[in-house]
Protein backbone atom coordinates (compact mmCIF):
# COMPACT_ATOMS: atom_id res chain seq x y z
CA UNK A 1 -3.48 19.59 -14.59
CA UNK A 2 -5.69 19.99 -17.84
CA UNK A 3 -5.44 16.81 -19.45
CA UNK A 4 -8.87 16.65 -21.83
CA UNK A 5 -10.88 13.26 -22.13
CA UNK A 6 -10.97 14.23 -25.73
CA UNK A 7 -7.11 12.79 -25.90
CA UNK A 8 -7.35 9.56 -23.97
CA UNK A 9 -7.22 7.99 -27.13
CA UNK A 10 -4.11 9.03 -28.30
CA UNK A 11 -2.20 8.84 -24.91
CA UNK A 12 -3.08 5.21 -25.31
CA UNK A 13 -2.14 4.65 -28.67
CA UNK A 14 1.24 6.52 -28.20
CA UNK A 15 1.66 4.53 -24.81
CA UNK A 16 0.71 0.81 -26.26
CA UNK A 17 1.65 0.37 -30.11
CA UNK A 18 5.95 1.90 -30.24
CA UNK A 19 5.68 0.07 -26.14
CA UNK A 20 4.62 -3.10 -28.52
CA UNK A 21 6.81 -2.43 -31.18
CA UNK A 22 10.00 -1.98 -28.73
CA UNK A 23 9.30 -5.59 -28.36
CA UNK A 24 10.27 -6.58 -31.61
CA UNK A 25 13.51 -4.59 -31.68
CA UNK A 26 14.70 -6.97 -27.97
CA UNK A 27 13.55 -10.04 -29.94
CA UNK A 28 15.73 -9.24 -33.01
CA UNK A 29 18.91 -8.94 -30.98
CA UNK A 30 17.63 -12.19 -29.18
CA UNK A 31 17.61 -14.01 -32.51
CA UNK A 32 21.05 -12.48 -33.57
CA UNK A 33 22.75 -13.41 -30.11
CA UNK A 34 21.09 -16.44 -29.30
CA UNK A 35 20.90 -19.98 -30.27
CA UNK A 36 17.30 -21.69 -29.42
CA UNK A 37 16.34 -24.64 -29.27
CA UNK A 38 13.54 -25.98 -31.47
CA UNK A 39 10.88 -25.92 -28.89
CA UNK A 40 12.08 -22.59 -27.27
CA UNK A 41 11.82 -21.01 -30.72
CA UNK A 42 8.10 -22.31 -31.15
CA UNK A 43 7.28 -20.92 -27.81
CA UNK A 44 8.88 -18.09 -28.41
CA UNK A 45 6.99 -17.12 -32.05
CA UNK A 46 3.72 -18.08 -29.99
CA UNK A 47 5.12 -15.62 -27.28
CA UNK A 48 5.22 -12.78 -30.29
CA UNK A 49 1.76 -12.27 -30.44
CA UNK A 50 1.79 -10.61 -27.02
CA UNK A 51 3.58 -7.53 -28.31
CA UNK A 52 1.38 -7.44 -31.40
CA UNK A 53 -1.54 -7.40 -29.90
CA UNK A 54 -0.64 -4.68 -27.70
CA UNK A 55 0.25 -2.64 -30.66
CA UNK A 56 -2.98 -3.48 -32.41
CA UNK A 57 -5.34 -3.02 -29.45
CA UNK A 58 -3.45 1.05 -29.98
CA UNK A 59 -4.27 1.32 -33.11
CA UNK A 60 -7.76 0.36 -32.47
CA UNK A 61 -7.69 3.17 -29.31
CA UNK A 62 -6.76 5.87 -31.54
CA UNK A 63 -9.63 4.99 -33.85
CA UNK A 64 -11.74 6.50 -30.78
CA UNK A 65 -10.03 9.69 -31.49
CA UNK A 66 -11.77 10.58 -34.97
CA UNK A 67 -15.04 12.16 -35.06
CA UNK A 68 -15.98 9.24 -37.21
CA UNK A 69 -13.91 5.94 -37.93
CA UNK A 70 -15.01 6.12 -41.58
CA UNK A 71 -12.23 9.38 -42.06
CA UNK A 72 -9.29 6.97 -41.20
CA UNK A 73 -8.73 6.60 -44.88
CA UNK A 74 -8.32 9.87 -45.43
CA UNK A 75 -5.23 10.42 -43.38
CA UNK A 76 -3.45 8.71 -46.09
CA UNK A 77 -4.41 11.07 -48.63
CA UNK A 78 -2.11 13.68 -46.70
CA UNK A 79 1.39 12.09 -47.18
CA UNK A 80 4.08 14.11 -46.16
CA UNK A 81 2.46 15.91 -43.21
CA UNK A 82 3.71 14.39 -39.67
CA UNK A 83 0.34 12.64 -39.00
CA UNK A 84 -0.47 10.94 -42.29
CA UNK A 85 3.49 9.68 -41.83
CA UNK A 86 2.86 8.71 -38.44
CA UNK A 87 0.51 6.78 -39.79
CA UNK A 88 1.75 5.41 -42.74
CA UNK A 89 4.89 4.32 -40.95
CA UNK A 90 2.36 2.53 -37.95
CA UNK A 91 0.69 0.44 -40.88
CA UNK A 92 4.18 -0.52 -42.65
CA UNK A 93 5.53 -1.72 -39.59
CA UNK A 94 2.01 -3.66 -38.06
CA UNK A 95 1.80 -5.19 -41.52
CA UNK A 96 4.68 -6.47 -41.69
CA UNK A 97 5.11 -7.26 -37.77
CA UNK A 98 1.31 -9.43 -38.66
CA UNK A 99 3.05 -11.40 -41.86
CA UNK A 100 6.18 -12.01 -39.34
CA UNK A 101 4.33 -13.55 -36.67
CA UNK A 102 1.92 -15.48 -39.26
CA UNK A 103 4.87 -16.84 -41.00
CA UNK A 104 7.18 -18.06 -38.14
CA UNK A 105 4.30 -19.29 -36.12
CA UNK A 106 3.73 -21.10 -39.46
CA UNK A 107 7.10 -22.59 -39.12
CA UNK A 108 8.07 -21.23 -42.22
CA UNK A 109 11.10 -19.34 -41.16
CA UNK A 110 14.00 -20.37 -39.72
CA UNK A 111 18.32 -19.52 -39.25
CA UNK A 112 19.29 -16.50 -41.23
CA UNK A 113 15.85 -16.12 -42.96
CA UNK A 114 14.09 -15.54 -39.39
CA UNK A 115 17.01 -13.10 -38.77
CA UNK A 116 16.56 -11.02 -41.75
CA UNK A 117 12.95 -10.62 -41.44
CA UNK A 118 13.04 -10.04 -37.63
CA UNK A 119 15.82 -7.08 -38.51
CA UNK A 120 13.35 -5.74 -40.85
CA UNK A 121 10.64 -5.32 -38.15
CA UNK A 122 13.11 -4.17 -35.44
CA UNK A 123 13.74 -1.44 -38.11
CA UNK A 124 10.66 -0.45 -39.09
CA UNK A 125 9.65 -0.34 -35.30
CA UNK A 126 12.23 2.11 -34.56
CA UNK A 127 11.10 3.98 -37.82
CA UNK A 128 7.17 3.83 -36.25
CA UNK A 129 8.38 5.42 -32.65
CA UNK A 130 10.49 7.77 -34.07
CA UNK A 131 7.60 9.08 -36.69
CA UNK A 132 5.09 8.92 -33.64
CA UNK A 133 6.91 11.16 -31.70
CA UNK A 134 7.90 13.78 -34.60
CA UNK A 135 3.79 13.89 -35.47
CA UNK A 136 3.85 15.98 -32.24
CA UNK A 137 6.52 18.38 -33.53
CA UNK A 138 4.52 20.88 -34.94
CA UNK A 139 5.01 25.21 -34.99
CA UNK A 140 1.69 25.50 -33.80
CA UNK A 141 2.17 24.30 -30.46
CA UNK A 142 5.40 25.68 -29.06
CA UNK A 143 5.76 22.96 -26.03
CA UNK A 144 5.53 20.67 -28.42
CA UNK A 145 8.04 21.65 -31.51
CA UNK A 146 10.89 20.00 -29.96
CA UNK A 147 13.08 17.07 -31.15
CA UNK A 148 12.93 16.25 -27.86
CA UNK A 149 9.58 14.61 -28.47
CA UNK A 150 10.74 11.82 -30.74
CA UNK A 151 13.61 11.29 -28.44
CA UNK A 152 11.40 9.98 -25.74
CA UNK A 153 9.51 8.37 -27.81
CA UNK A 154 11.60 6.33 -29.21
CA UNK A 155 13.10 5.69 -25.59
CA UNK A 156 9.57 4.81 -24.31
CA UNK A 157 9.96 1.77 -27.25
CA UNK A 158 13.24 0.90 -26.30
CA UNK A 159 12.41 0.74 -22.08
CA UNK A 160 8.82 -1.12 -22.69
CA UNK A 161 10.04 -2.87 -25.54
CA UNK A 162 12.94 -4.74 -23.43
CA UNK A 163 10.53 -5.56 -20.51
CA UNK A 164 7.79 -7.03 -22.85
CA UNK A 165 10.65 -8.82 -25.04
CA UNK A 166 11.93 -10.29 -21.52
CA UNK A 167 8.55 -11.36 -20.53
CA UNK A 168 8.24 -13.21 -24.05
CA UNK A 169 11.55 -14.88 -23.34
CA UNK A 170 10.89 -16.16 -20.04
CA UNK A 171 7.44 -17.35 -20.79
CA UNK A 172 9.31 -19.62 -23.09
CA UNK A 173 11.95 -20.68 -20.89
CA UNK A 174 14.60 -19.36 -23.22
CA UNK A 175 15.12 -16.21 -20.97
CA UNK A 176 18.02 -17.97 -19.21
CA UNK A 177 19.72 -19.27 -22.32
CA UNK A 178 19.57 -16.00 -23.29
CA UNK A 179 20.97 -13.72 -21.00
CA UNK A 180 24.43 -16.66 -21.08
CA UNK A 181 25.49 -14.68 -24.08
CA UNK A 182 25.65 -11.39 -25.17
CA UNK A 183 21.94 -10.80 -25.61
CA UNK A 184 22.13 -9.45 -21.39
CA UNK A 185 24.06 -6.82 -22.41
CA UNK A 186 21.95 -6.01 -25.44
CA UNK A 187 18.68 -5.86 -23.20
CA UNK A 188 20.33 -4.17 -20.25
CA UNK A 189 21.42 -1.72 -23.03
CA UNK A 190 18.40 -1.14 -24.72
CA UNK A 191 16.10 -0.77 -21.11
CA UNK A 192 19.16 2.01 -20.21
CA UNK A 193 19.36 4.16 -23.12
CA UNK A 194 15.11 3.66 -23.65
CA UNK A 195 15.30 5.19 -19.77
CA UNK A 196 17.87 7.58 -20.36
CA UNK A 197 15.81 8.89 -23.98
CA UNK A 198 12.76 8.62 -21.92
CA UNK A 199 13.63 10.47 -18.81
CA UNK A 200 15.80 13.32 -20.65
CA UNK A 201 13.45 14.00 -23.06
CA UNK A 202 10.34 14.35 -20.98
CA UNK A 203 12.32 16.41 -18.25
CA UNK A 204 13.96 18.32 -20.91
CA UNK A 205 10.69 19.42 -22.93
CA UNK A 206 9.56 20.31 -19.47
CA UNK A 207 12.21 22.55 -18.48
CA UNK A 208 12.33 24.06 -22.11
CA UNK A 209 8.02 24.38 -21.79
CA UNK A 210 8.05 26.17 -18.15
CA UNK A 211 10.09 28.84 -19.74
CA UNK A 212 7.12 30.03 -22.42
CA UNK A 213 4.03 31.53 -21.86
CA UNK A 214 0.91 33.19 -23.83
CA UNK A 215 -1.61 35.79 -23.44
CA UNK A 216 -3.82 33.17 -21.29
CA UNK A 217 -1.76 30.98 -18.71
CA UNK A 218 2.29 30.72 -18.66
CA UNK A 219 4.66 27.58 -19.57
CA UNK A 220 5.40 27.42 -15.39
CA UNK A 221 1.81 26.94 -14.48
CA UNK A 222 1.25 24.15 -16.96
CA UNK A 223 4.22 22.20 -16.05
CA UNK A 224 3.41 22.81 -12.35
CA UNK A 225 0.22 21.31 -13.29
CA UNK A 226 1.96 18.44 -15.07
CA UNK A 227 4.38 17.87 -12.65
CA UNK A 228 2.67 14.62 -10.49
CA UNK A 229 2.11 12.23 -13.26
CA UNK A 230 5.55 13.29 -14.79
CA UNK A 231 7.16 12.16 -11.91
CA UNK A 232 5.21 9.50 -11.67
CA UNK A 233 6.10 8.49 -15.38
CA UNK A 234 9.79 9.52 -14.76
CA UNK A 235 10.33 6.78 -11.27
CA UNK A 236 8.50 4.14 -12.83
CA UNK A 237 10.25 3.96 -15.77
CA UNK A 238 12.88 4.02 -13.53
CA UNK A 239 11.62 0.86 -11.90
CA UNK A 240 10.63 -0.46 -15.35
CA UNK A 241 14.79 -0.46 -16.73
CA UNK A 242 15.83 -1.64 -12.88
CA UNK A 243 13.60 -4.85 -13.26
CA UNK A 244 14.81 -5.99 -16.80
CA UNK A 245 18.46 -5.26 -14.89
CA UNK A 246 17.47 -7.85 -12.33
CA UNK A 247 15.41 -10.11 -14.32
CA UNK A 248 18.61 -10.81 -16.08
CA UNK A 249 20.60 -12.07 -12.82
CA UNK A 250 17.73 -14.42 -12.30
CA UNK A 251 16.98 -17.57 -14.29
CA UNK A 252 13.22 -17.47 -13.72
CA UNK A 253 12.43 -14.40 -14.48
CA UNK A 254 8.37 -14.40 -15.71
CA UNK A 255 7.15 -12.25 -12.31
CA UNK A 256 9.92 -9.70 -13.16
CA UNK A 257 9.50 -9.28 -16.50
CA UNK A 258 5.27 -8.85 -15.92
CA UNK A 259 6.25 -6.21 -13.25
CA UNK A 260 8.37 -4.28 -15.50
CA UNK A 261 6.01 -4.67 -18.51
CA UNK A 262 3.66 -3.15 -16.03
CA UNK A 263 5.64 -0.55 -14.84
CA UNK A 264 6.32 0.28 -18.07
CA UNK A 265 2.92 0.73 -19.51
CA UNK A 266 1.94 2.76 -16.62
CA UNK A 267 5.16 5.11 -16.45
CA UNK A 268 4.81 5.67 -20.47
CA UNK A 269 0.96 6.55 -19.97
CA UNK A 270 1.77 9.48 -16.99
CA UNK A 271 4.56 10.44 -19.38
CA UNK A 272 1.55 10.83 -21.99
CA UNK A 273 -0.69 12.87 -19.78
CA UNK A 274 1.91 15.19 -18.92
CA UNK A 275 2.73 15.85 -22.28
CA UNK A 276 -1.00 16.72 -23.25
CA UNK A 277 -1.14 18.66 -20.32
CA UNK A 278 1.65 21.40 -21.12
CA UNK A 279 -0.41 22.01 -24.72
CA UNK A 280 0.32 25.79 -25.50
CA UNK A 281 -0.86 27.38 -28.97
CA UNK A 282 1.77 29.56 -30.75
CA UNK A 283 -0.99 31.65 -32.09
CA UNK A 284 -0.67 33.94 -28.51
CA UNK A 285 2.67 32.59 -27.88
CA UNK A 286 5.15 35.68 -27.04
CA UNK A 287 7.56 33.74 -24.96
């Protein structure tokens, strides 16, 4: 397996940022399905700093991929290109999410206004996750040129976000109340659908890549080298979804939720390692 250390910043960015963004999707579902007490809501609002911090750390990691951080503003000049679209979508989401966290913690939102703002952040999170995957769908790299890439990225956001939202709600003492209503089905659905998209997307991409070859290497060799991190990834993503499911049955689920977040983080990271390890240029591709 060949995984360049130069890809580590992007691997961390595409692990952390979508996962943190996904938490806002699950939390929006909680607000639409559960009536929390004022005290619980305040604690949840404080807890949203966790997924926001994960997103911000992800963006900081991405900066280390640039030869010079001063070049970062130039990415906006290429609006319309996949990478620029990713960064623009990410920045729009991050800015709106930051405003949301600030406003809610200041006690300025309640009722329908909170739900509406939370829904906007959730939609932007979905768009950001998809565009993060689309940034890698390029004709010059045959093994990445597939819609399965944004599919798996959305899956990472959903399963990781469900786990992170569970941690926020459990830490706020609101998990048991949330799981008494339809949020129980919603969070399980997010975790399961996310796991299916993540596993299906990555496995499908590896299957397609294995049949490719160029003048230097065969896709089967690349896939063989990336198989170990891929298997670890798929196993941990299943574990993360399973832990969310088990947590729904428990009133005190902070430990299970924390374990789910760790499993999702490590699992997604290994999926990104496998992804970068199967990079094959189309310039000398003839499969």
